[in-house]
Amino acid sequence: MSRGDRLEGFLIFDLPGATVSTAIDAEVQHYDPRSGRGGLSFVPRSNQDSSTIGMIIDDYLSGKIKVHNGMLTKSETVRIAPRMAINSAKVANGLSALLRRLIGLALFTVAGGAALYYLGTSIYDRLFVFEAASAQVSFETIDQESPVAGTLTATAKPGPIANGAVLFDVVDGNGTTTEVASPCTCEVASGGREYGAFVSAGSSVVRLIRTEATPKIIVAVSFPDVRRVYEGAAIDIRYLDGQAIRGAHILNIRSLDGQQSGLVTIEVDPGRALTPSQYGEPVYARFDTAPWRLGGRVGSTGTTP
């Protein structure tokens, strides 16, 4: 064998479980007779054979395959990488499923808790709570009356008024005007007689509230509920501004003459500072008769002991 000789042959690749052979034309580049070793250059006989060889060489150079005991085999990295990807996907799917289950459990717990709270509150209210028929802010007032019969030609607007200031004017049938002055530094309450109205002598025209007057809450309850009030039912009140007074103090139960209308009036301490301008402001009031909330028994005289 000498340089330049041409040979026909096959290039064989041993792979695990298979053998790939490719037909080639080889040319001797050098040969050492003493060692019997030489070198060849080869050309594939077809484009398909060339593609097969190129693919194997590319995978070998990139580390996807390697030689082990004279046999081409896949790299361990190639074997492990798909498993790692599959395991990562399983872990991600597991975490996602766990998160969905936790969210579902949390929503179920919240919904169940809300339902139990609503049910418990409803049962509690049915057993122990009754609401007042009405409640409002009240002060001791002064009713300013008209001294003569006639038509109102001037009236003070609701709000503060100084002592001696004109409250209203009345023109009688003879055309004589009578001025009525405020007897105190007070607050003119709303709800008085309006300009142009006819008033009789001695009728109330304007209601006044002294600035130092003590406020109270006037609560009306149905007559059958008075017994539970006497037995010490706690009263909770809430104002329009949202402030709530829990366990307000009952000052007085007024004369039971109110039973003719089916309502009894109860005076309650407001539990906070109020101004005369809040006179007549509605208040929400309810009574709680739960045993652990019962207070001292209200005396039959109408006042708390």
Protein backbone atom coordinates (compact mmCIF):
# COMPACT_ATOMS: atom_id res chain seq x y z
CA MET A 1 0.00 0.00 0.00
CA SER A 2 1.42 3.38 -0.98
CA ARG A 3 0.40 7.01 -0.97
CA GLY A 4 -2.25 7.79 -3.57
CA ASP A 5 -3.82 4.35 -3.71
CA ARG A 6 -7.67 4.46 -3.83
CA LEU A 7 -9.85 2.01 -1.99
CA GLU A 8 -13.59 1.33 -1.75
CA GLY A 9 -14.97 0.68 1.71
CA PHE A 10 -17.52 1.37 4.43
CA LEU A 11 -17.28 3.70 7.45
CA ILE A 12 -18.97 1.88 10.38
CA PHE A 13 -20.32 3.55 13.58
CA ASP A 14 -21.20 1.27 16.51
CA LEU A 15 -24.03 2.75 18.58
CA PRO A 16 -25.90 1.18 21.52
CA GLY A 17 -28.36 -1.28 19.97
CA ALA A 18 -27.54 -0.37 16.34
CA THR A 19 -24.73 -0.02 13.75
CA VAL A 20 -24.59 2.73 11.12
CA SER A 21 -22.50 2.15 7.97
CA THR A 22 -21.76 4.62 5.19
CA ALA A 23 -20.17 3.79 1.79
CA ILE A 24 -17.01 5.82 1.09
CA ASP A 25 -14.15 6.19 -1.43
CA ALA A 26 -10.86 6.35 0.50
CA GLU A 27 -7.40 7.57 -0.64
CA VAL A 28 -4.19 6.60 1.14
CA GLN A 29 -2.38 9.69 2.42
CA HIS A 30 0.50 7.95 4.19
CA TYR A 31 1.51 4.41 5.25
CA ASP A 32 4.21 3.06 7.63
CA PRO A 33 5.11 -0.56 6.74
CA ARG A 34 6.96 -1.11 10.02
CA SER A 35 3.99 -0.29 12.25
CA GLY A 36 1.31 -1.14 9.73
CA ARG A 37 -0.44 2.16 10.43
CA GLY A 38 -1.46 4.79 7.93
CA GLY A 39 -3.86 7.59 7.21
CA LEU A 40 -6.76 7.88 4.80
CA SER A 41 -8.91 10.67 3.42
CA PHE A 42 -12.42 9.68 2.39
CA VAL A 43 -15.33 11.07 0.44
CA PRO A 44 -18.91 9.81 0.89
CA ARG A 45 -20.47 8.37 -2.21
CA SER A 46 -23.80 10.21 -1.79
CA ASN A 47 -25.22 13.36 -0.19
CA GLN A 48 -27.28 11.25 2.25
CA ASP A 49 -24.12 9.51 3.47
CA SER A 50 -22.45 12.91 3.84
CA SER A 51 -25.35 14.20 5.99
CA THR A 52 -25.19 11.15 8.29
CA ILE A 53 -21.46 11.57 8.87
CA GLY A 54 -21.80 15.33 9.43
CA MET A 55 -24.54 14.79 12.02
CA ILE A 56 -22.44 12.25 13.97
CA ILE A 57 -19.36 14.49 13.87
CA ASP A 58 -21.37 17.54 15.05
CA ASP A 59 -22.85 15.59 17.97
CA TYR A 60 -19.40 14.28 18.92
CA LEU A 61 -17.82 17.75 18.85
CA SER A 62 -20.69 19.28 20.84
CA GLY A 63 -20.40 16.60 23.51
CA LYS A 64 -23.77 14.96 22.81
CA ILE A 65 -22.02 11.64 22.07
CA LYS A 66 -18.72 10.21 23.24
CA VAL A 67 -16.55 7.10 22.77
CA HIS A 68 -16.74 4.47 25.49
CA ASN A 69 -14.95 1.10 25.10
CA GLY A 70 -14.68 1.66 21.38
CA MET A 71 -18.38 2.40 21.00
CA LEU A 72 -20.16 5.68 20.39
CA THR A 73 -22.63 6.42 23.16
CA LYS A 74 -24.79 9.33 24.25
CA SER A 75 -23.35 11.77 26.76
CA GLU A 76 -24.69 11.45 30.37
CA THR A 77 -25.61 15.13 30.19
CA VAL A 78 -28.03 14.40 27.36
CA ARG A 79 -29.59 11.59 29.37
CA ILE A 80 -29.99 13.61 32.56
CA ALA A 81 -31.21 16.90 31.08
CA PRO A 82 -34.60 15.60 29.94
CA ARG A 83 -35.19 13.96 33.33
CA MET A 84 -34.34 17.22 35.09
CA ALA A 85 -36.75 19.13 32.86
CA ILE A 86 -39.49 16.58 33.49
CA ASN A 87 -38.90 16.64 37.26
CA SER A 88 -38.91 20.46 37.28
CA ALA A 89 -42.20 20.47 35.40
CA LYS A 90 -43.65 17.98 37.88
CA VAL A 91 -42.52 20.14 40.82
CA ALA A 92 -43.97 23.29 39.21
CA ASN A 93 -47.26 21.51 38.49
CA GLY A 94 -47.33 20.18 42.05
CA LEU A 95 -46.76 23.62 43.55
CA SER A 96 -49.43 25.12 41.29
CA ALA A 97 -51.93 22.44 42.31
CA LEU A 98 -51.05 22.92 45.99
CA LEU A 99 -51.47 26.69 45.66
CA ARG A 100 -54.87 26.26 44.01
CA ARG A 101 -55.96 23.91 46.78
CA LEU A 102 -54.79 26.33 49.48
CA ILE A 103 -56.61 29.24 47.82
CA GLY A 104 -59.75 27.16 47.50
CA LEU A 105 -59.51 26.09 51.13
CA ALA A 106 -59.00 29.71 52.25
CA LEU A 107 -62.03 30.90 50.25
CA PHE A 108 -64.12 28.05 51.65
CA THR A 109 -63.01 28.91 55.19
CA VAL A 110 -63.80 32.62 54.75
CA ALA A 111 -67.20 31.90 53.20
CA GLY A 112 -68.01 29.36 55.89
CA GLY A 113 -66.92 31.73 58.65
CA ALA A 114 -69.02 34.55 57.20
CA ALA A 115 -72.05 32.27 56.95
CA LEU A 116 -71.61 31.04 60.53
CA TYR A 117 -71.16 34.62 61.77
CA TYR A 118 -74.31 35.76 59.96
CA LEU A 119 -76.28 32.77 61.23
CA GLY A 120 -75.00 33.24 64.79
CA THR A 121 -75.77 36.97 64.73
CA SER A 122 -79.24 36.37 63.36
CA ILE A 123 -80.03 33.79 66.05
CA TYR A 124 -78.60 36.05 68.77
CA ASP A 125 -80.71 39.00 67.61
CA ARG A 126 -83.86 36.89 67.53
CA LEU A 127 -83.28 35.59 71.03
CA PHE A 128 -82.03 38.66 72.90
CA VAL A 129 -82.36 41.90 70.90
CA PHE A 130 -85.28 44.23 70.24
CA GLU A 131 -85.10 47.64 68.55
CA ALA A 132 -86.56 50.93 69.71
CA ALA A 133 -89.51 52.31 67.78
CA SER A 134 -87.68 55.65 67.51
CA ALA A 135 -84.91 57.67 69.15
CA GLN A 136 -83.62 61.23 68.82
CA VAL A 137 -81.42 63.87 70.44
CA SER A 138 -83.32 66.13 72.84
CA PHE A 139 -82.73 69.17 75.08
CA GLU A 140 -84.88 71.08 77.50
CA THR A 141 -86.50 73.82 75.43
CA ILE A 142 -88.22 77.17 75.88
CA ASP A 143 -91.34 77.73 73.78
CA GLN A 144 -91.63 81.39 72.89
CA GLU A 145 -95.28 82.31 72.41
CA SER A 146 -96.92 85.09 70.42
CA PRO A 147 -98.41 87.84 72.63
CA VAL A 148 -101.05 88.79 70.05
CA ALA A 149 -102.88 87.22 67.15
CA GLY A 150 -101.62 88.19 63.74
CA THR A 151 -99.32 87.40 60.83
CA LEU A 152 -95.61 86.68 61.16
CA THR A 153 -93.64 89.23 59.15
CA ALA A 154 -90.17 88.27 60.39
CA THR A 155 -88.69 85.17 62.05
CA ALA A 156 -85.18 84.32 63.24
CA LYS A 157 -83.43 81.54 61.34
CA PRO A 158 -82.37 78.35 63.16
CA GLY A 159 -79.02 78.86 64.90
CA PRO A 160 -77.49 80.94 67.70
CA ILE A 161 -79.24 84.09 68.85
CA ALA A 162 -78.16 86.67 71.43
CA ASN A 163 -80.19 87.73 74.45
CA GLY A 164 -82.51 90.63 73.44
CA ALA A 165 -82.26 90.00 69.69
CA VAL A 166 -85.52 89.99 67.69
CA LEU A 167 -87.06 86.51 67.44
CA PHE A 168 -90.09 87.39 65.35
CA ASP A 169 -92.53 90.21 64.42
CA VAL A 170 -96.30 89.90 64.47
CA VAL A 171 -98.66 92.31 62.65
CA ASP A 172 -102.19 92.28 64.12
CA GLY A 173 -105.46 93.06 62.40
CA ASN A 174 -105.02 96.80 63.01
CA GLY A 175 -101.62 96.81 61.30
CA THR A 176 -99.70 97.21 64.54
CA THR A 177 -96.34 95.43 64.60
CA THR A 178 -95.22 93.70 67.80
CA GLU A 179 -91.59 92.65 68.20
CA VAL A 180 -90.71 89.68 70.40
CA ALA A 181 -87.11 89.49 71.66
CA SER A 182 -85.09 86.44 72.72
CA PRO A 183 -85.11 86.00 76.51
CA CYS A 184 -81.66 84.35 76.54
CA THR A 185 -78.50 83.58 74.61
CA CYS A 186 -79.88 80.46 73.02
CA GLU A 187 -80.09 78.26 69.94
CA VAL A 188 -83.15 78.69 67.73
CA ALA A 189 -84.35 75.17 66.98
CA SER A 190 -85.69 74.24 63.57
CA GLY A 191 -89.36 73.44 63.10
CA GLY A 192 -90.85 76.76 64.22
CA ARG A 193 -93.64 78.70 62.54
CA GLU A 194 -92.75 80.08 59.11
CA TYR A 195 -92.80 83.62 57.72
CA GLY A 196 -96.32 84.69 56.66
CA ALA A 197 -98.09 82.20 58.94
CA PHE A 198 -101.05 83.34 61.04
CA VAL A 199 -100.59 82.78 64.79
CA SER A 200 -103.07 83.13 67.61
CA ALA A 201 -102.33 84.79 70.92
CA GLY A 202 -100.51 82.37 73.25
CA SER A 203 -99.51 79.92 70.53
CA SER A 204 -95.91 78.71 70.29
CA VAL A 205 -93.93 80.32 67.49
CA VAL A 206 -90.25 79.58 68.17
CA ARG A 207 -88.54 76.89 70.26
CA LEU A 208 -85.30 77.91 72.02
CA ILE A 209 -82.53 75.80 73.57
CA ARG A 210 -80.24 77.30 76.19
CA THR A 211 -76.57 76.91 75.31
CA GLU A 212 -75.86 75.29 78.69
CA ALA A 213 -78.76 72.83 78.46
CA THR A 214 -78.03 69.17 79.20
CA PRO A 215 -78.65 66.83 76.24
CA LYS A 216 -80.41 63.48 76.44
CA ILE A 217 -81.65 60.79 74.07
CA ILE A 218 -85.39 60.25 73.97
CA VAL A 219 -86.15 56.61 73.09
CA ALA A 220 -89.63 55.25 72.37
CA VAL A 221 -90.34 51.53 72.86
CA SER A 222 -93.50 49.52 72.49
CA PHE A 223 -95.41 49.03 75.73
CA PRO A 224 -94.95 45.20 75.84
CA ASP A 225 -91.15 45.70 75.83
CA VAL A 226 -91.15 47.95 78.91
CA ARG A 227 -91.01 44.91 81.20
CA ARG A 228 -87.66 43.88 79.69
CA VAL A 229 -86.35 47.42 80.15
CA TYR A 230 -87.35 47.32 83.83
CA GLU A 231 -85.47 44.01 84.16
CA GLY A 232 -82.20 45.68 83.15
CA ALA A 233 -81.89 45.29 79.39
CA ALA A 234 -78.75 46.99 78.09
CA ILE A 235 -79.22 49.74 75.49
CA ASP A 236 -76.79 50.43 72.64
CA ILE A 237 -77.07 53.63 70.60
CA ARG A 238 -75.45 54.80 67.37
CA TYR A 239 -75.29 58.39 66.06
CA LEU A 240 -75.43 59.64 62.49
CA ASP A 241 -71.67 60.25 62.51
CA GLY A 242 -71.12 56.54 63.20
CA GLN A 243 -70.09 56.79 66.85
CA ALA A 244 -71.61 54.02 68.95
CA ILE A 245 -72.23 53.94 72.70
CA ARG A 246 -72.48 50.43 74.08
CA GLY A 247 -74.40 50.01 77.31
CA ALA A 248 -75.75 53.57 77.60
CA HIS A 249 -77.19 54.63 80.97
CA ILE A 250 -80.99 54.85 81.31
CA LEU A 251 -81.90 58.06 83.14
CA ASN A 252 -85.65 57.82 83.45
CA ILE A 253 -88.76 56.02 82.24
CA ARG A 254 -91.45 58.62 81.81
CA SER A 255 -95.09 58.34 82.80
CA LEU A 256 -96.80 55.26 81.38
CA ASP A 257 -99.53 57.46 79.92
CA GLY A 258 -97.83 56.67 76.63
CA GLN A 259 -99.36 53.18 76.68
CA GLN A 260 -102.46 54.73 75.09
CA SER A 261 -100.45 55.13 71.90
CA GLY A 262 -98.68 51.83 72.40
CA LEU A 263 -95.31 53.56 73.08
CA VAL A 264 -93.42 54.46 76.24
CA THR A 265 -90.71 57.16 76.37
CA ILE A 266 -87.32 56.47 77.96
CA GLU A 267 -84.65 59.08 78.68
CA VAL A 268 -81.08 57.88 78.07
CA ASP A 269 -77.73 59.54 78.80
CA PRO A 270 -76.08 60.35 75.41
CA GLY A 271 -72.64 59.19 76.56
CA ARG A 272 -70.92 61.99 74.61
CA ALA A 273 -70.97 65.74 74.11
CA LEU A 274 -73.78 67.11 71.95
CA THR A 275 -74.59 70.62 70.76
CA PRO A 276 -78.01 72.32 70.62
CA SER A 277 -77.76 72.33 66.83
CA GLN A 278 -78.19 68.51 66.99
CA TYR A 279 -81.63 68.85 68.55
CA GLY A 280 -84.03 66.39 66.87
CA GLU A 281 -81.24 64.41 65.17
CA PRO A 282 -82.33 60.76 64.79
CA VAL A 283 -80.41 58.05 66.67
CA TYR A 284 -80.43 54.27 66.25
CA ALA A 285 -81.17 52.44 69.52
CA ARG A 286 -81.57 48.78 70.41
CA PHE A 287 -81.91 46.80 73.65
CA ASP A 288 -79.97 43.63 74.51
CA THR A 289 -81.49 41.21 77.03
CA ALA A 290 -78.74 38.57 77.02
CA PRO A 291 -78.16 37.38 80.63
CA TRP A 292 -74.51 38.48 80.59
CA ARG A 293 -75.54 42.00 79.55
CA LEU A 294 -78.36 42.63 82.02
CA GLY A 295 -77.70 45.62 84.28
CA GLY A 296 -79.34 46.79 87.45
CA ARG A 297 -83.10 46.53 87.67
CA VAL A 298 -84.85 49.81 86.89
CA GLY A 299 -87.01 50.99 89.78
CA SER A 300 -90.76 51.23 89.49
CA THR A 301 -90.57 54.99 90.09
CA GLY A 302 -89.10 55.37 86.64
CA THR A 303 -85.50 56.11 87.59
CA THR A 304 -82.51 53.86 87.82
CA PRO A 305 -81.33 53.02 91.37
